[in-house]
Every structure is written in structure tokens, then in C-alpha cells.
Amino acid sequence: MKIPSSQSSGSFLRSPIILGGLAVVLIALIAVVALGVLGGGNGGGNGGSATKTAGTSSPKQTASSDHLTGKATATVNVRSDPGNAFQALGVLKKGTEVEIVAKSEDGEWFQIVYPPRSSLRGWVLAESLEVEGNLSGLGVATPEHIPVPVAPTSPVVTQSTTPTPSNLTPTPSPTPLAPLPDLVISGTVISGGKLVITVTNQGLGPLTSATVAVSVFDLAGTGLLGSGSAGPLTLTSGASIDVKTNYAIPASPVQLLVIVDPQGTIPETDDTNNRLSVAIGGGGAQPTKTPTQQPTPTP
């Protein structure tokens, strides 16, 4: 008997063998899709991504400029800081070569190693040095001290010789000028291995509110070996003050030149007796005769 087509289709779909085959095919398709998805993700992760190692850059090095060399074009004073108002430490002779370590903010002064081949520093006018090298890398140093104020000198008053008419009020006589001090080196002492200078006011007038500075040079007066100061202070006539310097007493005897008020900032009745030659070593510091007057250097 011929089975209708609709019944034949329904029996085909209800066959266990057919249904089992369809299930196997469906599971295989799902597995293929899952493997494709997982494989694509892993392949993209392994092949698509690359670890980039950034180059390690070394920190930028700050260039440090070498010290420059300069030669003095004239005989000049070496100051404790950049400015003519600061204490004079010594004299730099024309033609002397020095090591330049810094400059002032305005570039008008150079800081040099002074005395040469030492750990001390001094300042000279930039225009007084002939520089060898490039100044662009030279550092800037600032002043470390307060300049010693220069006491103004009183003007000389002259009395007019022109007769005063009887109908005019006579001009009063000028007030006599006050007596001035006179500083001298009256002795030297060794204290704590350092040289101490005794300064005495032998003038008729007092020294009022002033700083007393001393400098220690070699006997020729060309090399500064040490310095010291005391004050501001007041010294009456005949009074003395001990000024301790940073000059260390050597083991062997040596002759030194000691100067009080080396910058000449204190008005005195006599400024030619401010220096003394002393012999150090072998039993202490003993004053000797006063040396001849040294030539005055340019500022």
C-alpha cells in the first residue's frame, strides 16, 4: 500500500537513527565554532601583541666647567669679596698667572685661587685679567661678607682773609677738627697655634665704632698668608686690642710682614707706620725693624 508523502516525512524525522545523526552533526559544528573562537583569540594574543622594551635613557649630566687661567695685566689688589669696599687681602703683581674659579653676578669681578696653589679664595677686577678659555661655563659666586664702611674724611676748612665790612655780621671761626687715632702694631703672640697681632692706638683721638683688620704676608709683601679682624669696636688713646689671625705657625722659623688696616679705611694721623716685619719660630713671635714703604697698588 502506498504511504502518503506527509506521513513518510514524519516517519523519516522520527527515526532514531536520523535524529542521532543530526545530533552528532550539530555537536561537531558547535565544537568547530568553539575551537575557531578560542584559536583566534590565542593566536591574536600570541601573534598580534609584541612586548616593546623602552630604551633606558641615562640621566642628563650637568656639565661642569673647568677652572680658567688668567694673567694679571696690571698690579691690583685682591679683595675678600667682589667690590672695592671689601678688605684687601693682598697684591697680585702684573704678569702673575692665577686660576679663575667663579665670577660675580654682574661679571665685573673674578674669584681666583689666592694665594696660588692654596685652598683660599680672593676677588679681582675682571678687566685686570687676561683670560685664557671660555667664560660661558664659569659659575657665579656671591659675596660672603659685609663691606667695611669707609669713614668719611672731614674737609679741610680754610679761613677767609678778606676783611669783613663793619656793617656785616662777622663769620664765626671754624670748629677745630677732632684729633685722629694712630694705629700701630705693638706686639705679636702665638695662641692656639695661630698668630695674634696686638694693635695699639697711639694717637690723641679715639677710634670709634670701627673694624680693625690685619693681614699677614710673606716678607716681600706679595703673598697673602692669613688675615683677621676685630670689631666694630672703640679704642681710646693708648688702648690696645688683640686681633687673632688664621695664620698657622709653621715648624721652621720664618719672617713675615704684618699690616694693620691694609685697605686704609680708617683716618689716622700717620698711616705710614701700619706695617711691621716679625720673625716667627724658635721661641715665639718677636717684632723686628719696620720694613721700607711698599708701593701702593692700583684698586
C-alpha atoms as a PDB file:
ATOM      1  CA  MET A   1       0.000   0.000   0.000  1.00  0.00           C
ATOM      2  CA  LYS A   2       1.356   3.439  -0.940  1.00  0.00           C
ATOM      3  CA  ILE A   3       2.045   5.710   2.077  1.00  0.00           C
ATOM      4  CA  PRO A   4       1.183   9.382   1.626  1.00  0.00           C
ATOM      5  CA  SER A   5       4.150  11.761   1.376  1.00  0.00           C
ATOM      6  CA  SER A   6       3.265  13.626   4.594  1.00  0.00           C
ATOM      7  CA  GLN A   7       3.287  10.501   6.632  1.00  0.00           C
ATOM      8  CA  SER A   8       6.537   9.406   5.002  1.00  0.00           C
ATOM      9  CA  SER A   9       8.226  12.677   6.004  1.00  0.00           C
ATOM     10  CA  GLY A  10       7.027  12.452   9.577  1.00  0.00           C
ATOM     11  CA  SER A  11       8.239   8.892   9.909  1.00  0.00           C
ATOM     12  CA  PHE A  12      11.661   9.909   8.480  1.00  0.00           C
ATOM     13  CA  LEU A  13      12.107  12.687  11.047  1.00  0.00           C
ATOM     14  CA  ARG A  14      11.046  10.415  13.895  1.00  0.00           C
ATOM     15  CA  SER A  15      13.612   7.776  13.041  1.00  0.00           C
ATOM     16  CA  PRO A  16      16.147   7.320  15.916  1.00  0.00           C
ATOM     17  CA  ILE A  17      18.978   6.810  13.516  1.00  0.00           C
ATOM     18  CA  ILE A  18      18.274  10.052  11.698  1.00  0.00           C
ATOM     19  CA  LEU A  19      17.864  12.029  14.912  1.00  0.00           C
ATOM     20  CA  GLY A  20      21.100  10.627  16.325  1.00  0.00           C
ATOM     21  CA  GLY A  21      22.988  11.576  13.194  1.00  0.00           C
ATOM     22  CA  LEU A  22      21.640  15.098  13.279  1.00  0.00           C
ATOM     23  CA  ALA A  23      22.701  15.434  16.923  1.00  0.00           C
ATOM     24  CA  VAL A  24      26.260  14.295  16.113  1.00  0.00           C
ATOM     25  CA  VAL A  25      26.470  16.782  13.249  1.00  0.00           C
ATOM     26  CA  LEU A  26      25.178  19.614  15.477  1.00  0.00           C
ATOM     27  CA  ILE A  27      27.709  18.822  18.239  1.00  0.00           C
ATOM     28  CA  ALA A  28      30.532  18.727  15.668  1.00  0.00           C
ATOM     29  CA  LEU A  29      29.518  22.136  14.315  1.00  0.00           C
ATOM     30  CA  ILE A  30      29.441  23.629  17.829  1.00  0.00           C
ATOM     31  CA  ALA A  31      32.889  22.198  18.589  1.00  0.00           C
ATOM     32  CA  VAL A  32      34.330  23.575  15.345  1.00  0.00           C
ATOM     33  CA  VAL A  33      32.937  27.054  16.094  1.00  0.00           C
ATOM     34  CA  ALA A  34      34.275  26.957  19.683  1.00  0.00           C
ATOM     35  CA  LEU A  35      37.736  25.894  18.567  1.00  0.00           C
ATOM     36  CA  GLY A  36      37.785  28.640  15.956  1.00  0.00           C
ATOM     37  CA  VAL A  37      36.889  31.267  18.506  1.00  0.00           C
ATOM     38  CA  LEU A  38      39.438  30.055  21.057  1.00  0.00           C
ATOM     39  CA  GLY A  39      42.168  29.603  18.494  1.00  0.00           C
ATOM     40  CA  GLY A  40      41.630  33.056  17.048  1.00  0.00           C
ATOM     41  CA  GLY A  41      41.830  34.640  20.476  1.00  0.00           C
ATOM     42  CA  ASN A  42      45.035  32.830  21.389  1.00  0.00           C
ATOM     43  CA  GLY A  43      46.572  33.475  18.015  1.00  0.00           C
ATOM     44  CA  GLY A  44      45.733  37.132  18.236  1.00  0.00           C
ATOM     45  CA  GLY A  45      47.228  37.279  21.708  1.00  0.00           C
ATOM     46  CA  ASN A  46      50.411  35.460  20.726  1.00  0.00           C
ATOM     47  CA  GLY A  47      50.918  36.825  17.254  1.00  0.00           C
ATOM     48  CA  GLY A  48      49.235  40.199  17.450  1.00  0.00           C
ATOM     49  CA  SER A  49      50.816  41.532  20.600  1.00  0.00           C
ATOM     50  CA  ALA A  50      54.505  42.294  20.941  1.00  0.00           C
ATOM     51  CA  THR A  51      56.290  43.461  24.049  1.00  0.00           C
ATOM     52  CA  LYS A  52      58.159  46.697  23.330  1.00  0.00           C
ATOM     53  CA  THR A  53      61.101  47.373  25.593  1.00  0.00           C
ATOM     54  CA  ALA A  54      61.593  51.076  26.029  1.00  0.00           C
ATOM     55  CA  GLY A  55      65.172  52.206  25.842  1.00  0.00           C
ATOM     56  CA  THR A  56      66.556  53.327  29.158  1.00  0.00           C
ATOM     57  CA  SER A  57      67.972  56.808  28.812  1.00  0.00           C
ATOM     58  CA  SER A  58      70.773  57.812  31.126  1.00  0.00           C
ATOM     59  CA  PRO A  59      70.131  60.948  33.189  1.00  0.00           C
ATOM     60  CA  LYS A  60      71.381  64.149  31.679  1.00  0.00           C
ATOM     61  CA  GLN A  61      74.778  65.016  33.034  1.00  0.00           C
ATOM     62  CA  THR A  62      75.333  68.552  34.185  1.00  0.00           C
ATOM     63  CA  ALA A  63      78.424  69.864  32.532  1.00  0.00           C
ATOM     64  CA  SER A  64      80.930  71.206  34.998  1.00  0.00           C
ATOM     65  CA  SER A  65      83.198  73.849  33.606  1.00  0.00           C
ATOM     66  CA  ASP A  66      86.920  73.573  34.243  1.00  0.00           C
ATOM     67  CA  HIS A  67      88.656  76.403  36.046  1.00  0.00           C
ATOM     68  CA  LEU A  68      90.113  79.027  33.748  1.00  0.00           C
ATOM     69  CA  THR A  69      93.541  80.588  33.767  1.00  0.00           C
ATOM     70  CA  GLY A  70      94.097  84.334  33.813  1.00  0.00           C
ATOM     71  CA  LYS A  71      97.124  86.621  33.776  1.00  0.00           C
ATOM     72  CA  ALA A  72      97.218  89.966  35.577  1.00  0.00           C
ATOM     73  CA  THR A  73      97.599  92.872  33.135  1.00  0.00           C
ATOM     74  CA  ALA A  74      98.426  95.281  35.992  1.00  0.00           C
ATOM     75  CA  THR A  75      99.327  95.201  39.684  1.00  0.00           C
ATOM     76  CA  VAL A  76      95.995  95.008  41.533  1.00  0.00           C
ATOM     77  CA  ASN A  77      94.565  94.487  44.995  1.00  0.00           C
ATOM     78  CA  VAL A  78      92.955  91.141  45.813  1.00  0.00           C
ATOM     79  CA  ARG A  79      89.729  91.701  47.778  1.00  0.00           C
ATOM     80  CA  SER A  80      87.879  89.416  50.205  1.00  0.00           C
ATOM     81  CA  ASP A  81      84.686  89.821  48.113  1.00  0.00           C
ATOM     82  CA  PRO A  82      83.695  91.492  44.809  1.00  0.00           C
ATOM     83  CA  GLY A  83      83.881  95.244  45.445  1.00  0.00           C
ATOM     84  CA  ASN A  84      86.362  97.974  46.343  1.00  0.00           C
ATOM     85  CA  ALA A  85      84.629  98.407  49.721  1.00  0.00           C
ATOM     86  CA  PHE A  86      85.809  94.964  50.882  1.00  0.00           C
ATOM     87  CA  GLN A  87      89.048  94.212  52.727  1.00  0.00           C
ATOM     88  CA  ALA A  88      92.242  94.000  50.678  1.00  0.00           C
ATOM     89  CA  LEU A  89      93.795  90.557  51.169  1.00  0.00           C
ATOM     90  CA  GLY A  90      96.987  91.178  49.236  1.00  0.00           C
ATOM     91  CA  VAL A  91      98.565  92.286  45.978  1.00  0.00           C
ATOM     92  CA  LEU A  92      98.557  90.482  42.626  1.00  0.00           C
ATOM     93  CA  LYS A  93     101.565  91.582  40.583  1.00  0.00           C
ATOM     94  CA  LYS A  94     101.408  92.256  36.854  1.00  0.00           C
ATOM     95  CA  GLY A  95     102.073  89.125  34.797  1.00  0.00           C
ATOM     96  CA  THR A  96     101.116  86.689  37.585  1.00  0.00           C
ATOM     97  CA  GLU A  97      99.051  83.715  36.405  1.00  0.00           C
ATOM     98  CA  VAL A  98      96.062  82.728  38.553  1.00  0.00           C
ATOM     99  CA  GLU A  99      93.278  80.159  38.486  1.00  0.00           C
ATOM    100  CA  ILE A 100      89.773  81.627  37.980  1.00  0.00           C
ATOM    101  CA  VAL A 101      87.011  79.678  39.760  1.00  0.00           C
ATOM    102  CA  ALA A 102      83.911  81.938  39.546  1.00  0.00           C
ATOM    103  CA  LYS A 103      82.599  85.379  38.629  1.00  0.00           C
ATOM    104  CA  SER A 104      80.320  87.946  40.272  1.00  0.00           C
ATOM    105  CA  GLU A 105      76.672  88.328  39.290  1.00  0.00           C
ATOM    106  CA  ASP A 106      77.425  91.431  37.213  1.00  0.00           C
ATOM    107  CA  GLY A 107      80.535  89.813  35.688  1.00  0.00           C
ATOM    108  CA  GLU A 108      82.795  92.709  36.755  1.00  0.00           C
ATOM    109  CA  TRP A 109      84.828  90.635  39.271  1.00  0.00           C
ATOM    110  CA  PHE A 110      86.553  87.232  39.096  1.00  0.00           C
ATOM    111  CA  GLN A 111      87.042  84.901  42.062  1.00  0.00           C
ATOM    112  CA  ILE A 112      90.547  83.411  41.968  1.00  0.00           C
ATOM    113  CA  VAL A 113      92.629  80.938  43.950  1.00  0.00           C
ATOM    114  CA  TYR A 114      94.656  83.219  46.214  1.00  0.00           C
ATOM    115  CA  PRO A 115      97.317  82.654  47.321  1.00  0.00           C
ATOM    116  CA  PRO A 116      98.070  80.463  44.274  1.00  0.00           C
ATOM    117  CA  ARG A 117      98.046  76.705  44.860  1.00  0.00           C
ATOM    118  CA  SER A 118      96.085  77.090  48.120  1.00  0.00           C
ATOM    119  CA  SER A 119      92.521  76.460  49.273  1.00  0.00           C
ATOM    120  CA  LEU A 120      91.838  80.175  49.850  1.00  0.00           C
ATOM    121  CA  ARG A 121      89.910  82.494  47.519  1.00  0.00           C
ATOM    122  CA  GLY A 122      90.034  86.184  46.618  1.00  0.00           C
ATOM    123  CA  TRP A 123      88.442  88.601  44.141  1.00  0.00           C
ATOM    124  CA  VAL A 124      89.985  90.864  41.485  1.00  0.00           C
ATOM    125  CA  LEU A 125      88.522  93.160  38.846  1.00  0.00           C
ATOM    126  CA  ALA A 126      87.696  91.215  35.680  1.00  0.00           C
ATOM    127  CA  GLU A 127      89.235  93.914  33.494  1.00  0.00           C
ATOM    128  CA  SER A 128      92.604  93.382  35.203  1.00  0.00           C
ATOM    129  CA  LEU A 129      92.928  89.759  33.990  1.00  0.00           C
ATOM    130  CA  GLU A 130      93.683  88.418  30.531  1.00  0.00           C
ATOM    131  CA  VAL A 131      91.607  85.230  30.444  1.00  0.00           C
ATOM    132  CA  GLU A 132      92.518  82.037  28.615  1.00  0.00           C
ATOM    133  CA  GLY A 133      89.410  79.924  27.943  1.00  0.00           C
ATOM    134  CA  ASN A 134      85.641  80.173  27.529  1.00  0.00           C
ATOM    135  CA  LEU A 135      83.800  82.193  30.192  1.00  0.00           C
ATOM    136  CA  SER A 136      80.352  80.799  29.292  1.00  0.00           C
ATOM    137  CA  GLY A 137      80.676  77.863  31.676  1.00  0.00           C
ATOM    138  CA  LEU A 138      82.093  79.876  34.592  1.00  0.00           C
ATOM    139  CA  GLY A 139      79.884  79.718  37.706  1.00  0.00           C
ATOM    140  CA  VAL A 140      78.585  82.690  39.731  1.00  0.00           C
ATOM    141  CA  ALA A 141      79.645  83.236  43.340  1.00  0.00           C
ATOM    142  CA  THR A 142      78.044  85.691  45.756  1.00  0.00           C
ATOM    143  CA  PRO A 143      79.700  87.877  48.426  1.00  0.00           C
ATOM    144  CA  GLU A 144      80.149  86.255  51.847  1.00  0.00           C
ATOM    145  CA  HIS A 145      80.921  89.308  53.960  1.00  0.00           C
ATOM    146  CA  ILE A 146      79.530  92.744  54.627  1.00  0.00           C
ATOM    147  CA  PRO A 147      81.794  95.509  53.302  1.00  0.00           C
ATOM    148  CA  VAL A 148      83.571  97.566  55.924  1.00  0.00           C
ATOM    149  CA  PRO A 149      82.139 101.081  55.814  1.00  0.00           C
ATOM    150  CA  VAL A 150      84.660 103.748  54.911  1.00  0.00           C
ATOM    151  CA  ALA A 151      84.638 106.607  57.381  1.00  0.00           C
ATOM    152  CA  PRO A 152      84.333 109.901  55.507  1.00  0.00           C
ATOM    153  CA  THR A 153      87.208 112.305  55.974  1.00  0.00           C
ATOM    154  CA  SER A 154      86.433 115.805  57.137  1.00  0.00           C
ATOM    155  CA  PRO A 155      87.052 118.514  54.539  1.00  0.00           C
ATOM    156  CA  VAL A 156      89.829 120.998  55.143  1.00  0.00           C
ATOM    157  CA  VAL A 157      88.352 124.311  56.220  1.00  0.00           C
ATOM    158  CA  THR A 158      90.282 127.448  55.320  1.00  0.00           C
ATOM    159  CA  GLN A 159      89.554 130.771  56.889  1.00  0.00           C
ATOM    160  CA  SER A 160      88.970 133.659  54.511  1.00  0.00           C
ATOM    161  CA  THR A 161      91.443 136.528  54.759  1.00  0.00           C
ATOM    162  CA  THR A 162      89.033 139.005  53.163  1.00  0.00           C
ATOM    163  CA  PRO A 163      88.198 141.800  55.676  1.00  0.00           C
ATOM    164  CA  THR A 164      84.626 141.744  56.939  1.00  0.00           C
ATOM    165  CA  PRO A 165      82.782 145.052  56.466  1.00  0.00           C
ATOM    166  CA  SER A 166      81.719 146.622  59.747  1.00  0.00           C
ATOM    167  CA  ASN A 167      78.081 146.598  58.695  1.00  0.00           C
ATOM    168  CA  LEU A 168      78.024 142.798  58.189  1.00  0.00           C
ATOM    169  CA  THR A 169      77.865 140.026  60.763  1.00  0.00           C
ATOM    170  CA  PRO A 170      81.351 138.514  61.132  1.00  0.00           C
ATOM    171  CA  THR A 171      81.801 134.906  60.016  1.00  0.00           C
ATOM    172  CA  PRO A 172      82.326 132.611  63.001  1.00  0.00           C
ATOM    173  CA  SER A 173      85.637 130.820  63.241  1.00  0.00           C
ATOM    174  CA  PRO A 174      85.623 127.210  62.010  1.00  0.00           C
ATOM    175  CA  THR A 175      85.336 124.480  64.636  1.00  0.00           C
ATOM    176  CA  PRO A 176      88.707 122.778  65.182  1.00  0.00           C
ATOM    177  CA  LEU A 177      88.899 119.251  63.787  1.00  0.00           C
ATOM    178  CA  ALA A 178      88.753 116.403  66.305  1.00  0.00           C
ATOM    179  CA  PRO A 179      92.061 114.589  66.895  1.00  0.00           C
ATOM    180  CA  LEU A 180      92.509 111.343  64.986  1.00  0.00           C
ATOM    181  CA  PRO A 181      93.724 107.913  66.138  1.00  0.00           C
ATOM    182  CA  ASP A 182      97.016 106.356  65.047  1.00  0.00           C
ATOM    183  CA  LEU A 183      97.118 102.544  64.827  1.00  0.00           C
ATOM    184  CA  VAL A 184     100.414 100.661  65.192  1.00  0.00           C
ATOM    185  CA  ILE A 185     101.410  97.021  65.680  1.00  0.00           C
ATOM    186  CA  SER A 186     102.747  96.833  69.229  1.00  0.00           C
ATOM    187  CA  GLY A 187     103.278  93.084  69.596  1.00  0.00           C
ATOM    188  CA  THR A 188     102.690  89.539  68.356  1.00  0.00           C
ATOM    189  CA  VAL A 189     101.614  86.448  70.297  1.00  0.00           C
ATOM    190  CA  ILE A 190     101.065  82.790  69.422  1.00  0.00           C
ATOM    191  CA  SER A 191      97.746  81.442  70.714  1.00  0.00           C
ATOM    192  CA  GLY A 192      96.399  78.011  69.849  1.00  0.00           C
ATOM    193  CA  GLY A 193      98.957  77.640  67.072  1.00  0.00           C
ATOM    194  CA  LYS A 194      97.733  80.835  65.358  1.00  0.00           C
ATOM    195  CA  LEU A 195      99.343  84.259  65.114  1.00  0.00           C
ATOM    196  CA  VAL A 196      97.732  87.014  67.228  1.00  0.00           C
ATOM    197  CA  ILE A 197      98.522  90.674  66.460  1.00  0.00           C
ATOM    198  CA  THR A 198      98.353  93.346  69.169  1.00  0.00           C
ATOM    199  CA  VAL A 199      97.186  96.698  67.762  1.00  0.00           C
ATOM    200  CA  THR A 200      97.571  99.890  69.831  1.00  0.00           C
ATOM    201  CA  ASN A 201      96.040 103.327  69.298  1.00  0.00           C
ATOM    202  CA  GLN A 202      98.919 105.716  69.975  1.00  0.00           C
ATOM    203  CA  GLY A 203      97.095 108.737  68.550  1.00  0.00           C
ATOM    204  CA  LEU A 204      95.475 111.553  70.507  1.00  0.00           C
ATOM    205  CA  GLY A 205      91.979 110.783  69.231  1.00  0.00           C
ATOM    206  CA  PRO A 206      89.824 107.674  69.805  1.00  0.00           C
ATOM    207  CA  LEU A 207      88.954 105.026  67.244  1.00  0.00           C
ATOM    208  CA  THR A 208      85.148 104.898  67.304  1.00  0.00           C
ATOM    209  CA  SER A 209      82.907 102.063  66.049  1.00  0.00           C
ATOM    210  CA  ALA A 210      85.397 100.730  63.505  1.00  0.00           C
ATOM    211  CA  THR A 211      86.617  97.290  62.456  1.00  0.00           C
ATOM    212  CA  VAL A 212      90.346  96.699  62.946  1.00  0.00           C
ATOM    213  CA  ALA A 213      91.685  94.398  60.195  1.00  0.00           C
ATOM    214  CA  VAL A 214      95.163  92.883  59.887  1.00  0.00           C
ATOM    215  CA  SER A 215      96.806  90.914  57.072  1.00  0.00           C
ATOM    216  CA  VAL A 216      99.829  88.587  57.168  1.00  0.00           C
ATOM    217  CA  PHE A 217     102.120  88.497  54.094  1.00  0.00           C
ATOM    218  CA  ASP A 218     105.434  86.980  53.194  1.00  0.00           C
ATOM    219  CA  LEU A 219     108.366  89.311  53.817  1.00  0.00           C
ATOM    220  CA  ALA A 220     108.252  90.640  50.223  1.00  0.00           C
ATOM    221  CA  GLY A 221     104.604  91.619  50.704  1.00  0.00           C
ATOM    222  CA  THR A 222     103.494  89.783  47.557  1.00  0.00           C
ATOM    223  CA  GLY A 223     101.822  86.669  49.007  1.00  0.00           C
ATOM    224  CA  LEU A 224      98.934  86.795  51.480  1.00  0.00           C
ATOM    225  CA  LEU A 225      99.320  84.098  54.141  1.00  0.00           C
ATOM    226  CA  GLY A 226      96.492  84.936  56.542  1.00  0.00           C
ATOM    227  CA  SER A 227      94.202  87.641  57.907  1.00  0.00           C
ATOM    228  CA  GLY A 228      91.914  88.534  60.791  1.00  0.00           C
ATOM    229  CA  SER A 229      89.689  91.311  62.114  1.00  0.00           C
ATOM    230  CA  ALA A 230      88.005  92.520  65.295  1.00  0.00           C
ATOM    231  CA  GLY A 231      85.082  94.832  65.808  1.00  0.00           C
ATOM    232  CA  PRO A 232      83.354  97.094  65.258  1.00  0.00           C
ATOM    233  CA  LEU A 233      84.952  98.474  68.408  1.00  0.00           C
ATOM    234  CA  THR A 234      86.174 101.652  70.098  1.00  0.00           C
ATOM    235  CA  LEU A 235      89.822 102.202  71.090  1.00  0.00           C
ATOM    236  CA  THR A 236      90.626 105.193  73.235  1.00  0.00           C
ATOM    237  CA  SER A 237      94.028 106.827  73.104  1.00  0.00           C
ATOM    238  CA  GLY A 238      96.634 104.354  74.448  1.00  0.00           C
ATOM    239  CA  ALA A 239      94.266 101.338  74.374  1.00  0.00           C
ATOM    240  CA  SER A 240      95.152  98.039  72.639  1.00  0.00           C
ATOM    241  CA  ILE A 241      93.275  95.131  71.061  1.00  0.00           C
ATOM    242  CA  ASP A 242      94.447  91.586  70.206  1.00  0.00           C
ATOM    243  CA  VAL A 243      93.399  90.502  66.688  1.00  0.00           C
ATOM    244  CA  LYS A 244      93.633  86.747  66.087  1.00  0.00           C
ATOM    245  CA  THR A 245      94.516  85.709  62.523  1.00  0.00           C
ATOM    246  CA  ASN A 246      94.029  82.415  60.684  1.00  0.00           C
ATOM    247  CA  TYR A 247      97.766  82.091  60.032  1.00  0.00           C
ATOM    248  CA  ALA A 248      99.065  78.797  61.444  1.00  0.00           C
ATOM    249  CA  ILE A 249     102.563  78.964  62.933  1.00  0.00           C
ATOM    250  CA  PRO A 250     104.985  76.818  60.876  1.00  0.00           C
ATOM    251  CA  ALA A 251     107.539  74.447  62.377  1.00  0.00           C
ATOM    252  CA  SER A 252     110.502  76.298  60.866  1.00  0.00           C
ATOM    253  CA  PRO A 253     111.390  79.939  61.569  1.00  0.00           C
ATOM    254  CA  VAL A 254     110.045  82.433  59.041  1.00  0.00           C
ATOM    255  CA  GLN A 255     109.896  86.216  58.616  1.00  0.00           C
ATOM    256  CA  LEU A 256     106.538  87.828  57.916  1.00  0.00           C
ATOM    257  CA  LEU A 257     105.132  91.237  57.042  1.00  0.00           C
ATOM    258  CA  VAL A 258     102.098  92.218  59.150  1.00  0.00           C
ATOM    259  CA  ILE A 259      99.875  95.188  58.168  1.00  0.00           C
ATOM    260  CA  VAL A 260      97.078  96.765  60.198  1.00  0.00           C
ATOM    261  CA  ASP A 261      94.229  98.431  58.265  1.00  0.00           C
ATOM    262  CA  PRO A 262      95.621  97.165  54.910  1.00  0.00           C
ATOM    263  CA  GLN A 263      92.783  98.795  52.966  1.00  0.00           C
ATOM    264  CA  GLY A 264      93.379 102.220  54.509  1.00  0.00           C
ATOM    265  CA  THR A 265      89.744 102.765  55.551  1.00  0.00           C
ATOM    266  CA  ILE A 266      90.495 104.294  58.975  1.00  0.00           C
ATOM    267  CA  PRO A 267      91.506 108.001  59.036  1.00  0.00           C
ATOM    268  CA  GLU A 268      94.734 108.344  61.030  1.00  0.00           C
ATOM    269  CA  THR A 269      97.293 110.995  61.877  1.00  0.00           C
ATOM    270  CA  ASP A 270     100.016 108.745  60.394  1.00  0.00           C
ATOM    271  CA  ASP A 271      99.295 105.839  58.023  1.00  0.00           C
ATOM    272  CA  THR A 272     102.977 105.097  57.256  1.00  0.00           C
ATOM    273  CA  ASN A 273     103.562 103.151  60.481  1.00  0.00           C
ATOM    274  CA  ASN A 274     100.885 100.475  59.963  1.00  0.00           C
ATOM    275  CA  ARG A 275     103.237  97.630  58.982  1.00  0.00           C
ATOM    276  CA  LEU A 276     105.861  95.615  60.812  1.00  0.00           C
ATOM    277  CA  SER A 277     108.242  92.773  59.979  1.00  0.00           C
ATOM    278  CA  VAL A 278     108.154  89.916  62.507  1.00  0.00           C
ATOM    279  CA  ALA A 279     110.186  86.726  62.960  1.00  0.00           C
ATOM    280  CA  ILE A 280     108.144  83.620  63.813  1.00  0.00           C
ATOM    281  CA  GLY A 281     109.507  80.344  65.203  1.00  0.00           C
ATOM    282  CA  GLY A 282     112.200  79.222  67.618  1.00  0.00           C
ATOM    283  CA  GLY A 283     110.622  80.535  70.821  1.00  0.00           C
ATOM    284  CA  GLY A 284     107.697  82.646  69.675  1.00  0.00           C
ATOM    285  CA  ALA A 285     106.909  85.757  67.694  1.00  0.00           C
ATOM    286  CA  GLN A 286     109.372  88.616  68.081  1.00  0.00           C
ATOM    287  CA  PRO A 287     108.941  92.008  66.354  1.00  0.00           C
ATOM    288  CA  THR A 288     111.837  93.292  64.254  1.00  0.00           C
ATOM    289  CA  LYS A 289     112.522  96.535  62.475  1.00  0.00           C
ATOM    290  CA  THR A 290     109.887  98.203  60.307  1.00  0.00           C
ATOM    291  CA  PRO A 291     110.442  97.491  56.594  1.00  0.00           C
ATOM    292  CA  THR A 292     110.603 100.153  53.925  1.00  0.00           C
ATOM    293  CA  GLN A 293     107.366 101.508  52.489  1.00  0.00           C
ATOM    294  CA  GLN A 294     105.886  99.236  49.782  1.00  0.00           C
ATOM    295  CA  PRO A 295     104.474 100.717  46.524  1.00  0.00           C
ATOM    296  CA  THR A 296     100.718 101.313  46.619  1.00  0.00           C
ATOM    297  CA  PRO A 297      98.887  99.040  44.100  1.00  0.00           C
ATOM    298  CA  THR A 298      96.048 100.134  41.883  1.00  0.00           C
ATOM    299  CA  PRO A 299      92.465  99.267  43.062  1.00  0.00           C
END
